[in-house]
Amino acid sequence: MTPLLSARALTKQYGGRNGCRNVSFDLYPGEVLCIVGESGSGKTTLLNALALKTAADGGSLHYTATHGDRLDLLALSEPRRRLLMRTEWGFVQQNPRDGLRSGVSAGANIGEPLMAVGARHYGEIRHAATQWMERVELDASRIDEFPSAFSGGMQQRLQIARNLVTSPRLVFMDEPTAGLDVSVQARLLDLLRTLTSTLHLSVLIVTHDIGVARLLAHRLMVMQAGAVVEAGLTDQVLDDPQHPYTQTLVSSVLPV
């Protein structure tokens, strides 16, 4: 099977300091890959470099587009990058307010990405928005309310709907459950697990929470000081960690 996304020796520096260095992996269609590490480990820097939000300083990054074209992402033009973000990619921000437009309704937040890819029929756009509100377990009767009227967990669901309405193939997620109450987090994780499975999504998710990785990810990469120190199948890494840092990370969260 051809990888959807491939990175080789990907490196990003800030002021001579490595944000991430020499990161290599393959992500396959329908696979959820979790990047785990403490604050400052480089996981968000890596995610932003992979999503082309920041320019990498070295290495290579390739993506297999819908029609089989193998794209060199580090040489991609800005218009083509924007097209990818509108069509084949999604990006779920840690703070949903950063991923939503506060001045428009919930329905408009979901409908706008459809308009960006050519949808013009108001009734069809509103119907799709209604369906997606229901799909992420939001009350569709609130379609005309603004994001500020929703709780933090509901805003995150709304942001997820906004990202998935165009049927992307690859979704980047930056700490999507951070800052939420435990009960709200559990429901959101259950929703994400259902959506990734039923939609056959490929997902790159960053988290400091081992529990999130355990529940969602097929494979795991553990980062420390900008480097991947361990990688493998999620259960394998978490049940039998080999690197001392991974052992510390797992034992500090999971009961022995």
Protein backbone atom coordinates (compact mmCIF):
# COMPACT_ATOMS: atom_id res chain seq x y z
CA MET A 1 0.00 0.00 0.00
CA THR A 2 1.27 3.46 -0.91
CA PRO A 3 1.71 5.80 2.08
CA LEU A 4 -0.56 8.83 2.16
CA LEU A 5 2.10 10.99 3.83
CA SER A 6 5.82 10.29 4.07
CA ALA A 7 8.43 12.27 6.01
CA ARG A 8 12.17 11.66 5.89
CA ALA A 9 14.64 13.41 8.21
CA LEU A 10 12.23 16.34 8.61
CA THR A 11 13.82 19.14 10.63
CA LYS A 12 12.63 22.52 11.89
CA GLN A 13 14.82 24.92 13.87
CA TYR A 14 14.06 28.05 15.88
CA GLY A 15 16.97 30.38 16.56
CA GLY A 16 19.48 27.58 16.12
CA ARG A 17 17.50 25.29 18.43
CA ASN A 18 15.79 22.17 17.10
CA GLY A 19 12.01 22.25 17.26
CA CYS A 20 12.07 18.83 15.66
CA ARG A 21 14.93 16.98 14.01
CA ASN A 22 15.36 14.06 11.64
CA VAL A 23 11.77 12.83 11.95
CA SER A 24 10.86 10.01 9.56
CA PHE A 25 7.61 8.05 9.24
CA ASP A 26 4.92 6.85 6.84
CA LEU A 27 1.19 7.41 7.37
CA TYR A 28 -1.18 5.10 5.50
CA PRO A 29 -4.80 5.62 4.36
CA GLY A 30 -7.24 5.15 7.23
CA GLU A 31 -4.52 5.19 9.87
CA VAL A 32 -4.45 7.27 13.06
CA LEU A 33 -0.93 8.22 14.14
CA CYS A 34 -0.46 9.91 17.50
CA ILE A 35 2.51 12.11 18.39
CA VAL A 36 2.99 12.07 22.16
CA GLY A 37 5.28 14.08 24.41
CA GLU A 38 5.48 16.60 27.19
CA SER A 39 5.25 20.35 26.65
CA GLY A 40 8.34 21.47 24.74
CA SER A 41 9.00 18.06 23.20
CA GLY A 42 8.55 19.40 19.68
CA LYS A 43 5.30 17.64 18.84
CA THR A 44 3.34 20.77 17.87
CA THR A 45 6.31 22.10 15.89
CA LEU A 46 6.35 18.82 13.98
CA LEU A 47 2.61 18.94 13.37
CA ASN A 48 2.80 22.49 12.01
CA ALA A 49 5.69 21.53 9.71
CA LEU A 50 3.77 18.51 8.43
CA ALA A 51 0.67 20.63 7.79
CA LEU A 52 2.83 23.25 6.02
CA LYS A 53 1.87 25.92 8.55
CA THR A 54 5.59 26.51 9.13
CA ALA A 55 8.39 25.84 6.65
CA ALA A 56 10.70 22.93 7.40
CA ASP A 57 14.44 23.59 7.31
CA GLY A 58 15.47 20.18 6.02
CA GLY A 59 14.39 16.72 5.00
CA SER A 60 11.61 15.66 2.65
CA LEU A 61 7.83 15.43 2.83
CA HIS A 62 5.58 13.80 0.24
CA TYR A 63 1.82 13.33 -0.07
CA THR A 64 -0.21 11.07 -2.35
CA ALA A 65 -3.09 13.14 -3.70
CA THR A 66 -6.55 11.85 -4.64
CA HIS A 67 -5.67 10.94 -8.21
CA GLY A 68 -2.41 9.26 -7.26
CA ASP A 69 -0.09 12.22 -7.85
CA ARG A 70 2.89 12.12 -5.52
CA LEU A 71 3.38 15.70 -4.31
CA ASP A 72 6.63 17.12 -2.98
CA LEU A 73 5.08 19.19 -0.20
CA LEU A 74 8.21 21.20 0.58
CA ALA A 75 8.27 22.45 -3.02
CA LEU A 76 4.53 23.07 -3.21
CA SER A 77 3.29 26.48 -4.33
CA GLU A 78 1.19 28.55 -1.94
CA PRO A 79 -1.97 28.32 -4.12
CA ARG A 80 -1.65 24.51 -4.25
CA ARG A 81 -1.10 24.37 -0.49
CA ARG A 82 -4.27 26.41 0.10
CA LEU A 83 -6.17 24.12 -2.27
CA LEU A 84 -5.05 21.06 -0.30
CA MET A 85 -6.22 22.67 2.94
CA ARG A 86 -9.64 23.41 1.41
CA THR A 87 -10.17 19.99 -0.14
CA GLU A 88 -8.06 17.03 1.00
CA TRP A 89 -6.80 18.25 4.40
CA GLY A 90 -8.33 19.49 7.64
CA PHE A 91 -6.75 21.04 10.73
CA VAL A 92 -8.45 20.93 14.15
CA GLN A 93 -7.00 23.57 16.48
CA GLN A 94 -6.45 23.01 20.20
CA ASN A 95 -8.58 26.06 20.98
CA PRO A 96 -11.78 25.80 18.92
CA ARG A 97 -12.09 29.59 18.86
CA ASP A 98 -8.96 29.62 16.66
CA GLY A 99 -10.64 27.27 14.19
CA LEU A 100 -14.06 28.93 14.06
CA ARG A 101 -15.33 32.27 12.80
CA SER A 102 -16.93 33.99 15.76
CA GLY A 103 -18.93 36.47 13.68
CA VAL A 104 -21.03 33.93 11.80
CA SER A 105 -23.50 31.26 12.88
CA ALA A 106 -22.80 27.59 13.58
CA GLY A 107 -24.39 26.68 10.26
CA ALA A 108 -22.30 29.23 8.37
CA ASN A 109 -19.13 27.92 10.03
CA ILE A 110 -19.89 24.46 8.66
CA GLY A 111 -21.18 25.71 5.31
CA GLU A 112 -18.30 28.06 4.45
CA PRO A 113 -15.83 25.27 3.56
CA LEU A 114 -18.42 23.85 1.14
CA MET A 115 -18.72 27.24 -0.55
CA ALA A 116 -14.93 27.38 -0.80
CA VAL A 117 -15.01 24.23 -2.94
CA GLY A 118 -17.80 25.44 -5.19
CA ALA A 119 -21.13 24.75 -3.45
CA ARG A 120 -23.66 27.49 -4.22
CA HIS A 121 -27.14 26.13 -3.45
CA TYR A 122 -28.17 27.63 -0.10
CA GLY A 123 -30.69 24.90 0.71
CA GLU A 124 -28.18 22.13 0.07
CA ILE A 125 -25.48 23.86 2.10
CA ARG A 126 -27.83 24.37 5.03
CA HIS A 127 -28.98 20.76 4.80
CA ALA A 128 -25.37 19.55 4.90
CA ALA A 129 -24.68 21.79 7.91
CA THR A 130 -27.72 20.39 9.68
CA GLN A 131 -26.61 16.84 8.99
CA TRP A 132 -23.13 17.51 10.29
CA MET A 133 -24.40 19.15 13.45
CA GLU A 134 -26.36 15.98 14.12
CA ARG A 135 -23.38 13.82 13.21
CA VAL A 136 -21.17 15.51 15.83
CA GLU A 137 -24.02 15.32 18.34
CA LEU A 138 -25.02 18.99 18.38
CA ASP A 139 -28.62 20.18 18.51
CA ALA A 140 -29.37 21.10 14.89
CA SER A 141 -32.07 23.52 16.02
CA ARG A 142 -29.19 25.75 17.18
CA ILE A 143 -27.84 26.10 13.64
CA ASP A 144 -28.36 29.88 13.60
CA GLU A 145 -26.65 30.54 16.94
CA PHE A 146 -23.12 31.94 17.12
CA PRO A 147 -20.20 29.83 18.38
CA SER A 148 -19.99 31.93 21.57
CA ALA A 149 -23.38 30.49 22.61
CA PHE A 150 -21.89 27.00 22.78
CA SER A 151 -19.77 25.40 25.51
CA GLY A 152 -16.09 24.61 24.92
CA GLY A 153 -16.80 20.96 24.14
CA MET A 154 -19.60 21.93 21.75
CA GLN A 155 -17.34 24.45 20.02
CA GLN A 156 -14.79 21.70 19.48
CA ARG A 157 -17.48 19.50 17.93
CA LEU A 158 -18.48 22.41 15.70
CA GLN A 159 -14.87 22.88 14.61
CA ILE A 160 -14.63 19.16 13.83
CA ALA A 161 -17.78 19.39 11.68
CA ARG A 162 -16.34 22.42 9.87
CA ASN A 163 -13.22 20.39 9.06
CA LEU A 164 -14.95 17.18 7.97
CA VAL A 165 -17.82 18.59 5.89
CA THR A 166 -15.67 18.60 2.71
CA SER A 167 -14.68 14.92 3.21
CA PRO A 168 -10.91 15.42 3.67
CA ARG A 169 -8.54 12.45 3.43
CA LEU A 170 -6.05 13.70 6.02
CA VAL A 171 -6.81 15.60 9.23
CA PHE A 172 -4.28 17.18 11.58
CA MET A 173 -5.38 17.59 15.21
CA ASP A 174 -3.54 19.64 17.82
CA GLU A 175 -4.51 18.57 21.37
CA PRO A 176 -8.25 18.45 20.48
CA THR A 177 -9.35 17.43 23.99
CA ALA A 178 -7.09 19.76 26.01
CA GLY A 179 -8.84 21.99 28.54
CA LEU A 180 -12.08 20.01 28.54
CA ASP A 181 -13.72 18.42 31.57
CA VAL A 182 -13.10 14.68 31.87
CA SER A 183 -16.69 13.73 31.02
CA VAL A 184 -16.76 16.09 28.03
CA GLN A 185 -13.38 14.78 26.90
CA ALA A 186 -14.59 11.17 27.08
CA ARG A 187 -17.62 11.89 24.88
CA LEU A 188 -15.49 13.80 22.36
CA LEU A 189 -12.96 10.95 22.18
CA ASP A 190 -15.75 8.47 21.57
CA LEU A 191 -17.06 10.69 18.76
CA LEU A 192 -13.59 11.01 17.20
CA ARG A 193 -13.05 7.27 17.32
CA THR A 194 -16.39 6.69 15.55
CA LEU A 195 -15.75 9.34 12.90
CA THR A 196 -12.19 8.25 12.08
CA SER A 197 -13.35 4.67 11.67
CA THR A 198 -16.54 5.25 9.66
CA LEU A 199 -14.99 7.90 7.40
CA HIS A 200 -11.73 5.95 6.92
CA LEU A 201 -9.79 9.08 7.82
CA SER A 202 -6.05 9.36 8.09
CA VAL A 203 -5.28 11.41 11.18
CA LEU A 204 -2.15 12.92 12.71
CA ILE A 205 -2.97 13.84 16.28
CA VAL A 206 -0.75 15.58 18.82
CA THR A 207 -1.37 15.06 22.52
CA HIS A 208 0.35 14.97 25.90
CA ASP A 209 -2.35 12.57 27.12
CA ILE A 210 -1.44 8.88 26.94
CA GLY A 211 -5.12 7.98 27.40
CA VAL A 212 -6.04 9.83 24.20
CA ALA A 213 -3.35 7.94 22.32
CA ARG A 214 -4.47 4.61 23.77
CA LEU A 215 -8.06 5.16 22.66
CA LEU A 216 -7.57 6.67 19.20
CA ALA A 217 -4.24 5.74 17.67
CA HIS A 218 -3.15 2.74 15.64
CA ARG A 219 0.48 3.80 15.93
CA LEU A 220 2.43 6.05 18.24
CA MET A 221 5.51 8.28 18.04
CA VAL A 222 7.02 9.49 21.30
CA MET A 223 8.97 12.76 21.16
CA GLN A 224 11.54 14.19 23.54
CA ALA A 225 13.60 17.34 22.95
CA GLY A 226 12.66 17.49 19.28
CA ALA A 227 13.47 13.87 18.44
CA VAL A 228 11.35 10.73 18.07
CA VAL A 229 12.72 8.40 20.76
CA GLU A 230 10.29 5.51 20.24
CA ALA A 231 7.68 4.51 17.67
CA GLY A 232 5.47 1.53 16.97
CA LEU A 233 2.02 0.05 17.39
CA THR A 234 0.17 1.85 20.19
CA ASP A 235 -0.43 -1.16 22.42
CA GLN A 236 3.12 -2.38 21.88
CA VAL A 237 4.67 0.95 22.86
CA LEU A 238 2.40 1.56 25.84
CA ASP A 239 2.44 -1.99 27.22
CA ASP A 240 6.15 -2.60 26.71
CA PRO A 241 7.96 0.75 26.40
CA GLN A 242 11.65 0.42 25.58
CA HIS A 243 13.02 3.95 25.90
CA PRO A 244 13.52 5.34 29.43
CA TYR A 245 11.59 8.51 28.56
CA THR A 246 8.62 6.49 27.28
CA GLN A 247 8.76 4.34 30.42
CA THR A 248 8.63 7.48 32.58
CA LEU A 249 5.83 8.99 30.49
CA VAL A 250 3.71 5.83 30.69
CA SER A 251 4.33 5.08 34.36
CA SER A 252 3.46 8.65 35.37
CA VAL A 253 0.01 8.35 33.83
CA LEU A 254 -0.99 4.72 33.72
CA PRO A 255 -1.38 2.50 36.78
CA VAL A 256 1.27 -0.17 37.17
